[in-house]
Amino acid sequence: MQTKLDEAKAELLERAARVAENSPVGGHLPTGTTSEGTPDKDTVLAFLQRYYLHTAPEDLTDRDPVDVFGAAFSHYRLAENRPQGTANVRVHTPTVEENGWTCSHSVVEVVTDDMPFLVDSVTNELSRQGRGIHVVIHPQFVVRRDLTGELIEVLPDRPTIEGLPHDAHV
């Protein structure tokens, strides 16, 4: 049974998916495009639903759809090239002028191989440095990359293909 907050989250993700249809950056999202080469709303919505799957509705519902899309897209762009065994890390305070979206706090984005205690390790280090943590978003994707680490495909939820790398995004 969905609560009103769950419904509000679902509606927000729908609105965020529509942002991609009108955004020049939306064309860089994974598979499922229209004849014009831009991502179709269903593909973007599925990506956003997976990205925010474990995010509490109350952590999202007061956000602008542009910022919800922008945060997920920013993380996706960070994952576009990551050689095996390395971590991509970016710390920034996004602004509309520079990034097309905004957040009232600094954002730490991490893309690495999935491993136990990853979120605990990152949050403990931030706490040790006296940094406040407002929201943790931790999507996990099964991906296909080429030998250089270039992202080829974000695979469906739970593919049956064993041995493919799992990217963790924090």
N, C-alpha and C. Protein backbone atom coordinates (compact mmCIF):
# COMPACT_ATOMS: atom_id res chain seq x y z
N MET A 1 0.83 -1.18 0.00
CA MET A 1 0.00 0.00 0.00
C MET A 1 0.88 1.25 0.00
N GLN A 2 0.62 2.13 -0.94
CA GLN A 2 1.39 3.36 -1.04
C GLN A 2 0.84 4.42 -0.11
N THR A 3 1.76 5.14 0.52
CA THR A 3 1.36 6.27 1.35
C THR A 3 1.30 7.51 0.47
N LYS A 4 0.81 8.59 1.05
CA LYS A 4 0.78 9.86 0.31
C LYS A 4 2.20 10.31 -0.05
N LEU A 5 3.16 10.05 0.84
CA LEU A 5 4.55 10.40 0.53
C LEU A 5 5.08 9.58 -0.64
N ASP A 6 4.75 8.29 -0.68
CA ASP A 6 5.17 7.44 -1.81
C ASP A 6 4.57 7.96 -3.11
N GLU A 7 3.31 8.35 -3.06
CA GLU A 7 2.64 8.89 -4.25
C GLU A 7 3.29 10.20 -4.68
N ALA A 8 3.65 11.04 -3.70
CA ALA A 8 4.31 12.32 -4.02
C ALA A 8 5.69 12.06 -4.64
N LYS A 9 6.41 11.07 -4.14
CA LYS A 9 7.71 10.71 -4.71
C LYS A 9 7.54 10.24 -6.15
N ALA A 10 6.57 9.37 -6.39
CA ALA A 10 6.32 8.86 -7.75
C ALA A 10 5.97 10.00 -8.70
N GLU A 11 5.15 10.92 -8.24
CA GLU A 11 4.77 12.07 -9.08
C GLU A 11 5.98 12.96 -9.36
N LEU A 12 6.83 13.17 -8.36
CA LEU A 12 8.03 13.98 -8.54
C LEU A 12 8.96 13.33 -9.57
N LEU A 13 9.13 12.03 -9.51
CA LEU A 13 9.99 11.34 -10.47
C LEU A 13 9.42 11.43 -11.88
N GLU A 14 8.10 11.38 -12.00
CA GLU A 14 7.45 11.57 -13.31
C GLU A 14 7.78 12.96 -13.86
N ARG A 15 7.67 13.97 -13.01
CA ARG A 15 7.96 15.35 -13.44
C ARG A 15 9.45 15.50 -13.79
N ALA A 16 10.31 14.85 -13.01
CA ALA A 16 11.75 14.90 -13.29
C ALA A 16 12.07 14.22 -14.62
N ALA A 17 11.37 13.14 -14.95
CA ALA A 17 11.58 12.47 -16.24
C ALA A 17 11.18 13.38 -17.39
N ARG A 18 10.16 14.19 -17.19
CA ARG A 18 9.75 15.13 -18.24
C ARG A 18 10.80 16.22 -18.44
N VAL A 19 11.55 16.54 -17.38
CA VAL A 19 12.64 17.53 -17.50
C VAL A 19 13.64 17.06 -18.56
N ALA A 20 13.95 15.77 -18.56
CA ALA A 20 14.93 15.22 -19.50
C ALA A 20 14.48 15.38 -20.94
N GLU A 21 13.18 15.30 -21.17
CA GLU A 21 12.67 15.43 -22.54
C GLU A 21 12.99 16.80 -23.12
N ASN A 22 13.06 17.80 -22.25
CA ASN A 22 13.30 19.18 -22.70
C ASN A 22 14.72 19.64 -22.43
N SER A 23 15.58 18.72 -22.04
CA SER A 23 16.94 19.08 -21.65
C SER A 23 17.94 18.58 -22.68
N PRO A 24 18.89 19.41 -23.08
CA PRO A 24 19.90 18.94 -24.02
C PRO A 24 20.77 17.84 -23.41
N VAL A 25 20.91 17.81 -22.09
CA VAL A 25 21.73 16.78 -21.45
C VAL A 25 21.01 15.45 -21.38
N GLY A 26 19.70 15.46 -21.49
CA GLY A 26 18.94 14.22 -21.40
C GLY A 26 19.33 13.20 -22.45
N GLY A 27 19.84 13.65 -23.59
CA GLY A 27 20.23 12.76 -24.66
C GLY A 27 21.38 11.84 -24.31
N HIS A 28 22.05 12.08 -23.20
CA HIS A 28 23.18 11.25 -22.80
C HIS A 28 22.77 10.10 -21.89
N LEU A 29 21.52 10.01 -21.54
CA LEU A 29 21.09 8.96 -20.63
C LEU A 29 21.01 7.62 -21.35
N PRO A 30 20.96 6.53 -20.58
CA PRO A 30 21.06 5.20 -21.17
C PRO A 30 19.89 4.80 -22.04
N THR A 31 20.16 4.08 -23.10
CA THR A 31 19.24 3.40 -24.00
C THR A 31 17.80 3.86 -23.99
N GLY A 32 17.06 3.42 -24.99
CA GLY A 32 15.64 3.73 -25.09
C GLY A 32 15.42 5.15 -25.55
N THR A 33 15.66 5.44 -26.81
CA THR A 33 15.53 6.80 -27.29
C THR A 33 14.38 6.94 -28.26
N THR A 34 13.98 8.17 -28.47
CA THR A 34 12.95 8.47 -29.46
C THR A 34 13.62 8.53 -30.82
N SER A 35 12.84 8.73 -31.86
CA SER A 35 13.40 8.82 -33.21
C SER A 35 14.31 10.04 -33.37
N GLU A 36 14.16 11.05 -32.52
CA GLU A 36 15.02 12.23 -32.58
C GLU A 36 16.32 12.00 -31.82
N GLY A 37 16.49 10.84 -31.18
CA GLY A 37 17.72 10.55 -30.45
C GLY A 37 17.70 10.99 -29.00
N THR A 38 16.62 11.59 -28.55
CA THR A 38 16.52 11.97 -27.14
C THR A 38 15.90 10.81 -26.37
N PRO A 39 16.16 10.73 -25.08
CA PRO A 39 15.62 9.60 -24.33
C PRO A 39 14.11 9.71 -24.21
N ASP A 40 13.45 8.57 -24.30
CA ASP A 40 12.00 8.62 -24.09
C ASP A 40 11.72 8.70 -22.59
N LYS A 41 10.57 9.26 -22.26
CA LYS A 41 10.22 9.51 -20.86
C LYS A 41 10.23 8.23 -20.05
N ASP A 42 9.78 7.12 -20.62
CA ASP A 42 9.72 5.86 -19.88
C ASP A 42 11.12 5.38 -19.49
N THR A 43 12.09 5.54 -20.39
CA THR A 43 13.47 5.13 -20.10
C THR A 43 14.04 5.98 -18.98
N VAL A 44 13.85 7.28 -19.07
CA VAL A 44 14.36 8.19 -18.04
C VAL A 44 13.66 7.91 -16.72
N LEU A 45 12.36 7.71 -16.75
CA LEU A 45 11.62 7.43 -15.52
C LEU A 45 12.13 6.15 -14.87
N ALA A 46 12.36 5.10 -15.66
CA ALA A 46 12.87 3.84 -15.10
C ALA A 46 14.24 4.05 -14.46
N PHE A 47 15.10 4.85 -15.12
CA PHE A 47 16.41 5.15 -14.55
C PHE A 47 16.27 5.90 -13.23
N LEU A 48 15.42 6.93 -13.21
CA LEU A 48 15.23 7.71 -11.98
C LEU A 48 14.64 6.86 -10.87
N GLN A 49 13.70 5.98 -11.19
CA GLN A 49 13.11 5.10 -10.18
C GLN A 49 14.16 4.19 -9.57
N ARG A 50 15.06 3.68 -10.39
CA ARG A 50 16.14 2.84 -9.86
C ARG A 50 17.13 3.67 -9.07
N TYR A 51 17.45 4.85 -9.56
CA TYR A 51 18.42 5.71 -8.88
C TYR A 51 17.93 6.08 -7.47
N TYR A 52 16.67 6.42 -7.36
CA TYR A 52 16.11 6.87 -6.09
C TYR A 52 15.33 5.77 -5.35
N LEU A 53 15.50 4.53 -5.75
CA LEU A 53 14.73 3.42 -5.19
C LEU A 53 14.74 3.38 -3.66
N HIS A 54 15.90 3.51 -3.06
CA HIS A 54 16.01 3.38 -1.60
C HIS A 54 16.05 4.74 -0.90
N THR A 55 15.68 5.79 -1.59
CA THR A 55 15.65 7.12 -1.00
C THR A 55 14.28 7.37 -0.41
N ALA A 56 14.26 7.77 0.85
CA ALA A 56 12.99 8.02 1.52
C ALA A 56 12.24 9.15 0.82
N PRO A 57 10.94 8.99 0.64
CA PRO A 57 10.16 10.04 -0.03
C PRO A 57 10.33 11.41 0.61
N GLU A 58 10.40 11.45 1.93
CA GLU A 58 10.52 12.75 2.61
C GLU A 58 11.86 13.44 2.32
N ASP A 59 12.85 12.70 1.81
CA ASP A 59 14.12 13.31 1.42
C ASP A 59 14.07 13.91 0.02
N LEU A 60 12.99 13.66 -0.70
CA LEU A 60 12.89 14.12 -2.09
C LEU A 60 11.75 15.08 -2.36
N THR A 61 10.63 14.89 -1.69
CA THR A 61 9.38 15.52 -2.14
C THR A 61 9.40 17.05 -2.12
N ASP A 62 10.31 17.67 -1.38
CA ASP A 62 10.35 19.14 -1.39
C ASP A 62 11.33 19.68 -2.43
N ARG A 63 11.88 18.81 -3.26
CA ARG A 63 12.87 19.22 -4.25
C ARG A 63 12.22 19.53 -5.59
N ASP A 64 12.90 20.37 -6.33
CA ASP A 64 12.46 20.73 -7.67
C ASP A 64 12.77 19.57 -8.62
N PRO A 65 11.87 19.26 -9.55
CA PRO A 65 12.12 18.17 -10.51
C PRO A 65 13.42 18.36 -11.30
N VAL A 66 13.78 19.60 -11.60
CA VAL A 66 15.03 19.87 -12.32
C VAL A 66 16.22 19.39 -11.49
N ASP A 67 16.17 19.63 -10.18
CA ASP A 67 17.27 19.23 -9.30
C ASP A 67 17.30 17.72 -9.10
N VAL A 68 16.14 17.10 -9.06
CA VAL A 68 16.06 15.63 -8.93
C VAL A 68 16.67 14.97 -10.16
N PHE A 69 16.28 15.46 -11.34
CA PHE A 69 16.88 14.93 -12.57
C PHE A 69 18.36 15.27 -12.63
N GLY A 70 18.71 16.51 -12.31
CA GLY A 70 20.11 16.95 -12.40
C GLY A 70 21.05 16.16 -11.53
N ALA A 71 20.63 15.84 -10.31
CA ALA A 71 21.49 15.06 -9.41
C ALA A 71 21.75 13.67 -9.97
N ALA A 72 20.71 13.02 -10.45
CA ALA A 72 20.87 11.67 -11.01
C ALA A 72 21.71 11.71 -12.28
N PHE A 73 21.47 12.69 -13.14
CA PHE A 73 22.22 12.80 -14.39
C PHE A 73 23.69 13.11 -14.12
N SER A 74 23.96 13.96 -13.14
CA SER A 74 25.34 14.29 -12.77
C SER A 74 26.10 13.04 -12.35
N HIS A 75 25.45 12.22 -11.55
CA HIS A 75 26.06 10.98 -11.09
C HIS A 75 26.28 10.02 -12.26
N TYR A 76 25.31 9.96 -13.16
CA TYR A 76 25.44 9.13 -14.36
C TYR A 76 26.65 9.57 -15.19
N ARG A 77 26.80 10.88 -15.37
CA ARG A 77 27.94 11.40 -16.15
C ARG A 77 29.26 11.03 -15.49
N LEU A 78 29.31 11.06 -14.16
CA LEU A 78 30.53 10.68 -13.45
C LEU A 78 30.88 9.21 -13.71
N ALA A 79 29.86 8.40 -13.94
CA ALA A 79 30.06 6.96 -14.15
C ALA A 79 30.41 6.61 -15.59
N GLU A 80 30.36 7.57 -16.50
CA GLU A 80 30.52 7.26 -17.92
C GLU A 80 31.87 6.62 -18.26
N ASN A 81 32.91 6.96 -17.55
CA ASN A 81 34.19 6.31 -17.78
C ASN A 81 34.84 6.03 -16.44
N ARG A 82 34.99 4.74 -16.13
CA ARG A 82 35.62 4.34 -14.87
C ARG A 82 36.34 3.02 -15.09
N PRO A 83 37.67 3.07 -15.25
CA PRO A 83 38.42 1.82 -15.41
C PRO A 83 38.21 0.90 -14.20
N GLN A 84 38.25 -0.39 -14.47
CA GLN A 84 38.01 -1.40 -13.43
C GLN A 84 38.96 -1.19 -12.25
N GLY A 85 38.41 -1.32 -11.05
CA GLY A 85 39.21 -1.22 -9.84
C GLY A 85 39.51 0.20 -9.39
N THR A 86 38.96 1.19 -10.08
CA THR A 86 39.18 2.57 -9.68
C THR A 86 37.88 3.16 -9.14
N ALA A 87 38.01 4.30 -8.50
CA ALA A 87 36.84 5.02 -8.01
C ALA A 87 36.83 6.41 -8.63
N ASN A 88 35.67 6.84 -9.06
CA ASN A 88 35.48 8.22 -9.50
C ASN A 88 34.80 8.96 -8.35
N VAL A 89 35.39 10.07 -7.95
CA VAL A 89 34.86 10.86 -6.84
C VAL A 89 34.80 12.32 -7.28
N ARG A 90 33.69 12.97 -6.97
CA ARG A 90 33.55 14.40 -7.26
C ARG A 90 32.87 15.05 -6.06
N VAL A 91 33.41 16.17 -5.63
CA VAL A 91 32.81 16.97 -4.56
C VAL A 91 32.56 18.35 -5.15
N HIS A 92 31.32 18.79 -5.11
CA HIS A 92 30.99 20.09 -5.68
C HIS A 92 29.70 20.62 -5.06
N THR A 93 29.50 21.91 -5.25
CA THR A 93 28.24 22.54 -4.87
C THR A 93 27.60 23.01 -6.17
N PRO A 94 26.66 22.21 -6.70
CA PRO A 94 26.11 22.51 -8.02
C PRO A 94 25.31 23.82 -8.04
N THR A 95 25.44 24.52 -9.15
CA THR A 95 24.66 25.73 -9.38
C THR A 95 23.96 25.61 -10.72
N VAL A 96 22.88 26.32 -10.86
CA VAL A 96 22.13 26.31 -12.12
C VAL A 96 23.03 26.80 -13.26
N GLU A 97 23.81 27.84 -13.01
CA GLU A 97 24.66 28.42 -14.05
C GLU A 97 25.70 27.41 -14.55
N GLU A 98 26.33 26.68 -13.65
CA GLU A 98 27.39 25.76 -14.04
C GLU A 98 26.90 24.35 -14.36
N ASN A 99 25.88 23.90 -13.65
CA ASN A 99 25.48 22.49 -13.74
C ASN A 99 24.06 22.26 -14.24
N GLY A 100 23.27 23.32 -14.32
CA GLY A 100 21.89 23.16 -14.77
C GLY A 100 20.94 22.74 -13.67
N TRP A 101 21.45 22.55 -12.46
CA TRP A 101 20.63 22.19 -11.30
C TRP A 101 21.34 22.72 -10.07
N THR A 102 20.66 22.68 -8.95
CA THR A 102 21.24 23.23 -7.74
C THR A 102 20.93 22.37 -6.53
N CYS A 103 21.74 22.56 -5.52
CA CYS A 103 21.54 21.90 -4.23
C CYS A 103 22.02 22.88 -3.17
N SER A 104 21.34 22.93 -2.05
CA SER A 104 21.70 23.89 -1.01
C SER A 104 22.90 23.43 -0.18
N HIS A 105 23.42 22.25 -0.47
CA HIS A 105 24.58 21.71 0.24
C HIS A 105 25.60 21.21 -0.78
N SER A 106 26.82 21.01 -0.32
CA SER A 106 27.81 20.37 -1.18
C SER A 106 27.40 18.93 -1.42
N VAL A 107 27.80 18.41 -2.57
CA VAL A 107 27.44 17.06 -2.97
C VAL A 107 28.72 16.25 -3.15
N VAL A 108 28.75 15.06 -2.56
CA VAL A 108 29.85 14.12 -2.75
C VAL A 108 29.30 12.98 -3.59
N GLU A 109 29.88 12.79 -4.78
CA GLU A 109 29.45 11.72 -5.67
C GLU A 109 30.60 10.71 -5.77
N VAL A 110 30.27 9.44 -5.61
CA VAL A 110 31.26 8.36 -5.70
C VAL A 110 30.71 7.30 -6.63
N VAL A 111 31.53 6.83 -7.55
CA VAL A 111 31.20 5.69 -8.39
C VAL A 111 32.37 4.72 -8.27
N THR A 112 32.10 3.52 -7.81
CA THR A 112 33.16 2.54 -7.61
C THR A 112 32.57 1.14 -7.69
N ASP A 113 33.43 0.13 -7.62
CA ASP A 113 32.93 -1.23 -7.54
C ASP A 113 32.12 -1.37 -6.26
N ASP A 114 31.03 -2.11 -6.32
CA ASP A 114 30.24 -2.32 -5.12
C ASP A 114 31.03 -3.20 -4.16
N MET A 115 30.94 -2.88 -2.89
CA MET A 115 31.66 -3.65 -1.87
C MET A 115 30.98 -3.45 -0.52
N PRO A 116 31.21 -4.39 0.39
CA PRO A 116 30.61 -4.26 1.72
C PRO A 116 31.13 -3.01 2.44
N PHE A 117 30.27 -2.41 3.20
CA PHE A 117 30.60 -1.28 4.07
C PHE A 117 31.01 -0.01 3.32
N LEU A 118 30.69 0.08 2.05
CA LEU A 118 31.06 1.25 1.26
C LEU A 118 30.40 2.52 1.82
N VAL A 119 29.11 2.48 2.01
CA VAL A 119 28.40 3.66 2.52
C VAL A 119 28.89 4.00 3.92
N ASP A 120 29.06 2.99 4.77
CA ASP A 120 29.57 3.23 6.12
C ASP A 120 30.94 3.89 6.08
N SER A 121 31.81 3.42 5.21
CA SER A 121 33.17 3.98 5.12
C SER A 121 33.13 5.44 4.68
N VAL A 122 32.33 5.75 3.67
CA VAL A 122 32.25 7.13 3.17
C VAL A 122 31.64 8.04 4.22
N THR A 123 30.53 7.62 4.82
CA THR A 123 29.87 8.49 5.81
C THR A 123 30.72 8.64 7.07
N ASN A 124 31.42 7.58 7.48
CA ASN A 124 32.30 7.69 8.65
C ASN A 124 33.43 8.68 8.40
N GLU A 125 34.01 8.64 7.21
CA GLU A 125 35.10 9.58 6.89
C GLU A 125 34.58 11.01 6.86
N LEU A 126 33.43 11.24 6.28
CA LEU A 126 32.86 12.59 6.27
C LEU A 126 32.58 13.06 7.70
N SER A 127 32.05 12.19 8.52
CA SER A 127 31.79 12.54 9.92
C SER A 127 33.09 12.82 10.67
N ARG A 128 34.11 12.01 10.43
CA ARG A 128 35.41 12.20 11.07
C ARG A 128 35.97 13.58 10.74
N GLN A 129 35.71 14.06 9.54
CA GLN A 129 36.19 15.37 9.11
C GLN A 129 35.26 16.50 9.55
N GLY A 130 34.23 16.16 10.31
CA GLY A 130 33.32 17.18 10.82
C GLY A 130 32.32 17.68 9.79
N ARG A 131 32.09 16.93 8.75
CA ARG A 131 31.13 17.31 7.71
C ARG A 131 29.76 16.76 8.05
N GLY A 132 28.76 17.59 7.92
CA GLY A 132 27.39 17.14 8.14
C GLY A 132 26.89 16.34 6.95
N ILE A 133 26.06 15.37 7.20
CA ILE A 133 25.48 14.57 6.13
C ILE A 133 23.97 14.79 6.16
N HIS A 134 23.43 15.27 5.06
CA HIS A 134 22.01 15.60 5.00
C HIS A 134 21.18 14.48 4.40
N VAL A 135 21.66 13.90 3.31
CA VAL A 135 20.94 12.82 2.63
C VAL A 135 21.98 11.89 2.00
N VAL A 136 21.75 10.59 2.12
CA VAL A 136 22.59 9.61 1.44
C VAL A 136 21.71 8.92 0.39
N ILE A 137 22.17 8.96 -0.84
CA ILE A 137 21.48 8.26 -1.94
C ILE A 137 22.46 7.22 -2.45
N HIS A 138 22.05 5.96 -2.44
CA HIS A 138 22.98 4.87 -2.76
C HIS A 138 22.38 3.89 -3.77
N PRO A 139 22.31 4.32 -5.04
CA PRO A 139 21.82 3.37 -6.05
C PRO A 139 22.92 2.39 -6.43
N GLN A 140 22.51 1.22 -6.85
CA GLN A 140 23.45 0.22 -7.34
C GLN A 140 22.98 -0.20 -8.73
N PHE A 141 23.91 -0.24 -9.65
CA PHE A 141 23.59 -0.59 -11.03
C PHE A 141 24.50 -1.71 -11.50
N VAL A 142 23.94 -2.63 -12.27
CA VAL A 142 24.75 -3.61 -12.97
C VAL A 142 25.01 -3.00 -14.34
N VAL A 143 26.29 -2.94 -14.71
CA VAL A 143 26.67 -2.23 -15.92
C VAL A 143 27.53 -3.11 -16.82
N ARG A 144 27.61 -2.69 -18.06
CA ARG A 144 28.53 -3.31 -19.01
C ARG A 144 29.47 -2.18 -19.46
N ARG A 145 30.80 -2.45 -19.35
CA ARG A 145 31.82 -1.48 -19.76
C ARG A 145 32.76 -2.13 -20.77
N ASP A 146 33.41 -1.30 -21.57
CA ASP A 146 34.43 -1.85 -22.46
C ASP A 146 35.74 -1.98 -21.69
N LEU A 147 36.80 -2.43 -22.34
CA LEU A 147 38.08 -2.68 -21.67
C LEU A 147 38.71 -1.42 -21.08
N THR A 148 38.37 -0.26 -21.63
CA THR A 148 38.94 0.99 -21.11
C THR A 148 38.12 1.58 -19.97
N GLY A 149 36.97 0.97 -19.68
CA GLY A 149 36.12 1.47 -18.61
C GLY A 149 34.98 2.34 -19.07
N GLU A 150 34.83 2.49 -20.39
CA GLU A 150 33.74 3.30 -20.94
C GLU A 150 32.41 2.59 -20.70
N LEU A 151 31.44 3.32 -20.17
CA LEU A 151 30.12 2.76 -19.90
C LEU A 151 29.41 2.47 -21.21
N ILE A 152 29.02 1.23 -21.40
CA ILE A 152 28.31 0.82 -22.60
C ILE A 152 26.82 0.73 -22.33
N GLU A 153 26.48 0.20 -21.16
CA GLU A 153 25.06 -0.08 -20.90
C GLU A 153 24.81 -0.19 -19.40
N VAL A 154 23.69 0.36 -18.97
CA VAL A 154 23.17 0.12 -17.63
C VAL A 154 22.10 -0.94 -17.82
N LEU A 155 22.30 -2.08 -17.19
CA LEU A 155 21.41 -3.22 -17.42
C LEU A 155 20.15 -3.13 -16.56
N PRO A 156 19.12 -3.87 -16.95
CA PRO A 156 17.87 -3.88 -16.18
C PRO A 156 18.10 -4.31 -14.73
N ASP A 157 17.09 -4.06 -13.93
CA ASP A 157 17.16 -4.31 -12.48
C ASP A 157 18.04 -5.47 -12.05
N ARG A 158 17.63 -6.65 -12.30
CA ARG A 158 18.34 -7.84 -11.83
C ARG A 158 18.60 -8.78 -13.01
N PRO A 159 19.62 -8.46 -13.82
CA PRO A 159 19.88 -9.34 -14.96
C PRO A 159 20.37 -10.69 -14.48
N THR A 160 20.19 -11.68 -15.31
CA THR A 160 20.61 -13.03 -14.95
C THR A 160 22.06 -13.29 -15.35
N ILE A 161 22.71 -12.30 -15.93
CA ILE A 161 24.09 -12.46 -16.38
C ILE A 161 25.02 -12.33 -15.19
N GLU A 162 25.74 -13.40 -14.88
CA GLU A 162 26.69 -13.38 -13.77
C GLU A 162 28.02 -12.80 -14.23
N GLY A 163 28.77 -12.28 -13.31
CA GLY A 163 30.11 -11.82 -13.62
C GLY A 163 30.20 -10.41 -14.15
N LEU A 164 29.08 -9.73 -14.30
CA LEU A 164 29.13 -8.34 -14.74
C LEU A 164 29.38 -7.46 -13.53
N PRO A 165 30.12 -6.38 -13.72
CA PRO A 165 30.43 -5.52 -12.58
C PRO A 165 29.19 -4.80 -12.05
N HIS A 166 29.18 -4.62 -10.75
CA HIS A 166 28.14 -3.84 -10.09
C HIS A 166 28.77 -2.52 -9.70
N ASP A 167 28.26 -1.43 -10.23
CA ASP A 167 28.73 -0.10 -9.84
C ASP A 167 27.91 0.35 -8.65
N ALA A 168 28.58 0.87 -7.66
CA ALA A 168 27.90 1.48 -6.54
C ALA A 168 28.05 2.99 -6.68
N HIS A 169 26.97 3.70 -6.51
CA HIS A 169 26.97 5.16 -6.55
C HIS A 169 26.57 5.62 -5.15
N VAL A 170 27.35 6.52 -4.59
CA VAL A 170 27.03 7.06 -3.27
C VAL A 170 26.98 8.56 -3.39
